[in-house]
Amino acid sequence: MKINCWDFMNCGREVDGSMVKSLGNCPAFTFTSFQGTNNGFHSGRYCWYVAGTYSKTEPKCSHLHKIEDCSKCSFLKLVKNEEGAMFQS
């Protein structure tokens, strides 16, 4: 498995992460339906597709206050680059 969003962003929202008590677990970490997508753990390399990590009316990703939307996220760009033709958007 490759680096997942919570590791890249160092948000502390993975299980036993430093921010779980105040922010809760990240939905990408707990949503297992995309296990392995883009070579990630649970939905860790497909976070932009998971409900609750981003909403146009209320950002829930702890790093979205720094960027306008997921398409500008440095992690999404990294995953696209690493996965190349195998990238699942």
N, C-alpha and C. Protein backbone atom coordinates (compact mmCIF):
# COMPACT_ATOMS: atom_id res chain seq x y z
N MET A 1 0.83 -1.18 0.00
CA MET A 1 0.00 0.00 0.00
C MET A 1 0.89 1.26 0.00
N LYS A 2 0.39 2.27 -0.64
CA LYS A 2 1.09 3.55 -0.72
C LYS A 2 0.57 4.49 0.37
N ILE A 3 1.15 5.67 0.48
CA ILE A 3 0.75 6.64 1.50
C ILE A 3 -0.72 7.02 1.32
N ASN A 4 -1.44 7.11 2.42
CA ASN A 4 -2.84 7.47 2.42
C ASN A 4 -3.01 8.93 2.83
N CYS A 5 -4.20 9.48 2.61
CA CYS A 5 -4.43 10.91 2.84
C CYS A 5 -4.12 11.34 4.26
N TRP A 6 -4.53 10.57 5.27
CA TRP A 6 -4.30 10.98 6.66
C TRP A 6 -2.81 11.01 7.00
N ASP A 7 -2.02 10.17 6.34
CA ASP A 7 -0.58 10.20 6.54
C ASP A 7 0.04 11.41 5.84
N PHE A 8 -0.38 11.63 4.61
CA PHE A 8 0.13 12.74 3.82
C PHE A 8 -0.21 14.08 4.47
N MET A 9 -1.46 14.22 4.90
CA MET A 9 -1.93 15.47 5.48
C MET A 9 -1.56 15.61 6.95
N ASN A 10 -1.20 14.49 7.57
CA ASN A 10 -0.86 14.48 8.99
C ASN A 10 -1.98 15.13 9.81
N CYS A 11 -3.22 14.75 9.49
CA CYS A 11 -4.39 15.39 10.12
C CYS A 11 -4.73 14.81 11.49
N GLY A 12 -4.24 13.62 11.80
CA GLY A 12 -4.52 13.04 13.10
C GLY A 12 -5.90 12.45 13.25
N ARG A 13 -6.58 12.18 12.13
CA ARG A 13 -7.95 11.66 12.20
C ARG A 13 -8.04 10.17 11.90
N GLU A 14 -6.90 9.49 11.79
CA GLU A 14 -6.90 8.03 11.67
C GLU A 14 -7.17 7.43 13.04
N VAL A 15 -7.45 6.14 13.14
CA VAL A 15 -7.71 5.50 14.43
C VAL A 15 -6.56 5.80 15.38
N ASP A 16 -6.89 6.23 16.57
CA ASP A 16 -5.93 6.60 17.61
C ASP A 16 -5.12 7.84 17.25
N GLY A 17 -5.57 8.60 16.26
CA GLY A 17 -4.87 9.82 15.87
C GLY A 17 -5.04 10.92 16.90
N SER A 18 -4.18 11.90 16.84
CA SER A 18 -4.15 12.97 17.83
C SER A 18 -5.39 13.88 17.81
N MET A 19 -6.14 13.90 16.70
CA MET A 19 -7.29 14.79 16.59
C MET A 19 -8.63 14.06 16.65
N VAL A 20 -8.61 12.76 16.87
CA VAL A 20 -9.86 11.98 16.86
C VAL A 20 -10.83 12.44 17.95
N LYS A 21 -10.33 12.74 19.13
CA LYS A 21 -11.22 13.16 20.22
C LYS A 21 -11.95 14.45 19.90
N SER A 22 -11.29 15.38 19.23
CA SER A 22 -11.93 16.66 18.93
C SER A 22 -12.66 16.68 17.59
N LEU A 23 -12.15 15.96 16.58
CA LEU A 23 -12.73 16.01 15.24
C LEU A 23 -13.39 14.71 14.79
N GLY A 24 -13.10 13.61 15.49
CA GLY A 24 -13.62 12.30 15.08
C GLY A 24 -12.73 11.67 14.02
N ASN A 25 -13.01 10.41 13.73
CA ASN A 25 -12.25 9.72 12.69
C ASN A 25 -12.64 10.26 11.32
N CYS A 26 -11.68 10.30 10.43
CA CYS A 26 -11.93 10.72 9.06
C CYS A 26 -12.81 9.68 8.37
N PRO A 27 -13.85 10.11 7.65
CA PRO A 27 -14.69 9.16 6.93
C PRO A 27 -13.91 8.30 5.93
N ALA A 28 -12.85 8.84 5.35
CA ALA A 28 -12.04 8.05 4.41
C ALA A 28 -11.34 6.90 5.12
N PHE A 29 -10.98 7.10 6.38
CA PHE A 29 -10.32 6.05 7.15
C PHE A 29 -11.30 4.95 7.53
N THR A 30 -12.52 5.32 7.85
CA THR A 30 -13.49 4.33 8.34
C THR A 30 -14.32 3.70 7.22
N PHE A 31 -14.34 4.30 6.04
CA PHE A 31 -15.14 3.78 4.92
C PHE A 31 -14.31 2.76 4.15
N THR A 32 -14.68 1.51 4.25
CA THR A 32 -13.86 0.43 3.70
C THR A 32 -14.26 -0.01 2.29
N SER A 33 -15.30 0.55 1.74
CA SER A 33 -15.78 0.10 0.42
C SER A 33 -14.78 0.29 -0.70
N PHE A 34 -13.85 1.20 -0.54
CA PHE A 34 -12.86 1.46 -1.59
C PHE A 34 -11.49 0.92 -1.21
N GLN A 35 -11.47 -0.10 -0.37
CA GLN A 35 -10.22 -0.76 0.02
C GLN A 35 -9.42 -1.09 -1.23
N GLY A 36 -8.19 -0.61 -1.29
CA GLY A 36 -7.30 -0.92 -2.41
C GLY A 36 -7.40 0.03 -3.60
N THR A 37 -8.43 0.88 -3.64
CA THR A 37 -8.55 1.81 -4.76
C THR A 37 -7.34 2.74 -4.77
N ASN A 38 -6.72 2.87 -5.91
CA ASN A 38 -5.49 3.64 -6.08
C ASN A 38 -4.40 3.17 -5.12
N ASN A 39 -4.46 1.87 -4.78
CA ASN A 39 -3.47 1.23 -3.90
C ASN A 39 -3.50 1.80 -2.48
N GLY A 40 -4.68 2.15 -2.01
CA GLY A 40 -4.80 2.72 -0.67
C GLY A 40 -5.45 1.79 0.33
N PHE A 41 -5.36 2.18 1.60
CA PHE A 41 -6.00 1.46 2.70
C PHE A 41 -7.37 2.09 2.94
N HIS A 42 -8.39 1.25 3.02
CA HIS A 42 -9.78 1.70 3.11
C HIS A 42 -10.01 2.68 1.97
N SER A 43 -10.29 3.93 2.24
CA SER A 43 -10.50 4.92 1.17
C SER A 43 -9.44 6.01 1.22
N GLY A 44 -8.28 5.67 1.71
CA GLY A 44 -7.22 6.64 1.94
C GLY A 44 -6.57 7.22 0.71
N ARG A 45 -6.81 6.62 -0.45
CA ARG A 45 -6.30 7.20 -1.70
C ARG A 45 -7.47 7.42 -2.68
N TYR A 46 -8.64 7.62 -2.09
CA TYR A 46 -9.86 7.88 -2.86
C TYR A 46 -10.76 8.79 -2.02
N CYS A 47 -10.15 9.58 -1.15
CA CYS A 47 -10.87 10.39 -0.16
C CYS A 47 -11.82 11.40 -0.79
N TRP A 48 -11.47 11.91 -1.96
CA TRP A 48 -12.30 12.92 -2.63
C TRP A 48 -13.66 12.36 -3.04
N TYR A 49 -13.83 11.07 -3.01
CA TYR A 49 -15.08 10.43 -3.41
C TYR A 49 -15.94 10.03 -2.21
N VAL A 50 -15.41 10.15 -1.02
CA VAL A 50 -16.11 9.71 0.19
C VAL A 50 -16.94 10.84 0.78
N ALA A 51 -18.23 10.58 0.97
CA ALA A 51 -19.11 11.57 1.58
C ALA A 51 -18.61 11.91 2.97
N GLY A 52 -18.64 13.19 3.30
CA GLY A 52 -18.22 13.64 4.61
C GLY A 52 -16.81 14.16 4.67
N THR A 53 -15.98 13.84 3.69
CA THR A 53 -14.64 14.41 3.69
C THR A 53 -14.67 15.78 3.03
N TYR A 54 -15.67 16.03 2.19
CA TYR A 54 -15.80 17.32 1.55
C TYR A 54 -17.24 17.56 1.15
N SER A 55 -17.71 18.75 1.38
CA SER A 55 -19.04 19.17 0.97
C SER A 55 -18.93 20.62 0.53
N LYS A 56 -19.58 20.99 -0.55
CA LYS A 56 -19.47 22.37 -1.03
C LYS A 56 -20.01 23.35 0.00
N THR A 57 -20.93 22.93 0.84
CA THR A 57 -21.49 23.84 1.83
C THR A 57 -20.74 23.80 3.15
N GLU A 58 -20.08 22.68 3.45
CA GLU A 58 -19.38 22.57 4.73
C GLU A 58 -18.18 21.65 4.60
N PRO A 59 -16.97 22.22 4.44
CA PRO A 59 -15.79 21.37 4.34
C PRO A 59 -15.57 20.56 5.60
N LYS A 60 -15.28 19.30 5.44
CA LYS A 60 -15.05 18.44 6.59
C LYS A 60 -13.62 17.93 6.64
N CYS A 61 -12.93 17.99 5.52
CA CYS A 61 -11.51 17.63 5.52
C CYS A 61 -10.79 18.73 6.28
N SER A 62 -9.96 18.37 7.24
CA SER A 62 -9.35 19.40 8.08
C SER A 62 -8.37 20.29 7.33
N HIS A 63 -8.08 19.99 6.08
CA HIS A 63 -7.15 20.80 5.31
C HIS A 63 -7.84 21.62 4.22
N LEU A 64 -9.15 21.46 4.07
CA LEU A 64 -9.83 22.18 3.00
C LEU A 64 -9.95 23.67 3.24
N HIS A 65 -9.75 24.12 4.46
CA HIS A 65 -9.77 25.57 4.68
C HIS A 65 -8.59 26.24 4.00
N LYS A 66 -7.59 25.46 3.61
CA LYS A 66 -6.40 26.00 2.95
C LYS A 66 -6.52 25.96 1.42
N ILE A 67 -7.44 25.15 0.91
CA ILE A 67 -7.62 25.03 -0.54
C ILE A 67 -9.09 25.19 -0.88
N GLU A 68 -9.40 25.52 -2.12
CA GLU A 68 -10.79 25.77 -2.49
C GLU A 68 -11.59 24.49 -2.69
N ASP A 69 -11.00 23.48 -3.26
CA ASP A 69 -11.70 22.22 -3.46
C ASP A 69 -10.69 21.10 -3.66
N CYS A 70 -11.20 19.88 -3.71
CA CYS A 70 -10.33 18.71 -3.80
C CYS A 70 -9.45 18.72 -5.05
N SER A 71 -9.93 19.28 -6.14
CA SER A 71 -9.15 19.25 -7.38
C SER A 71 -7.84 20.02 -7.25
N LYS A 72 -7.73 20.89 -6.25
CA LYS A 72 -6.51 21.66 -6.04
C LYS A 72 -5.65 21.07 -4.94
N CYS A 73 -6.06 19.94 -4.40
CA CYS A 73 -5.37 19.32 -3.28
C CYS A 73 -4.06 18.66 -3.73
N SER A 74 -3.00 18.93 -3.01
CA SER A 74 -1.69 18.36 -3.36
C SER A 74 -1.68 16.84 -3.22
N PHE A 75 -2.49 16.30 -2.33
CA PHE A 75 -2.54 14.85 -2.20
C PHE A 75 -3.20 14.20 -3.42
N LEU A 76 -4.29 14.77 -3.90
CA LEU A 76 -4.95 14.25 -5.11
C LEU A 76 -3.97 14.29 -6.28
N LYS A 77 -3.22 15.36 -6.41
CA LYS A 77 -2.24 15.48 -7.49
C LYS A 77 -1.16 14.40 -7.35
N LEU A 78 -0.73 14.12 -6.12
CA LEU A 78 0.26 13.07 -5.88
C LEU A 78 -0.27 11.71 -6.31
N VAL A 79 -1.50 11.40 -5.92
CA VAL A 79 -2.10 10.10 -6.26
C VAL A 79 -2.23 9.97 -7.78
N LYS A 80 -2.70 11.01 -8.45
CA LYS A 80 -2.81 10.98 -9.91
C LYS A 80 -1.45 10.69 -10.55
N ASN A 81 -0.43 11.36 -10.06
CA ASN A 81 0.91 11.19 -10.59
C ASN A 81 1.43 9.77 -10.34
N GLU A 82 1.27 9.28 -9.12
CA GLU A 82 1.77 7.95 -8.77
C GLU A 82 1.03 6.84 -9.51
N GLU A 83 -0.26 6.99 -9.68
CA GLU A 83 -1.07 5.92 -10.29
C GLU A 83 -1.05 5.97 -11.82
N GLY A 84 -0.78 7.14 -12.39
CA GLY A 84 -0.71 7.26 -13.84
C GLY A 84 -1.98 6.77 -14.52
N ALA A 85 -1.83 5.92 -15.51
CA ALA A 85 -2.97 5.42 -16.30
C ALA A 85 -3.93 4.56 -15.47
N MET A 86 -3.48 4.08 -14.32
CA MET A 86 -4.32 3.24 -13.46
C MET A 86 -5.13 4.06 -12.45
N PHE A 87 -4.96 5.39 -12.47
CA PHE A 87 -5.67 6.28 -11.53
C PHE A 87 -7.17 6.12 -11.66
N GLN A 88 -7.84 5.97 -10.52
CA GLN A 88 -9.30 5.90 -10.49
C GLN A 88 -9.83 7.18 -9.88
N SER A 89 -10.57 7.95 -10.69
CA SER A 89 -11.08 9.21 -10.20
C SER A 89 -12.51 9.07 -9.74
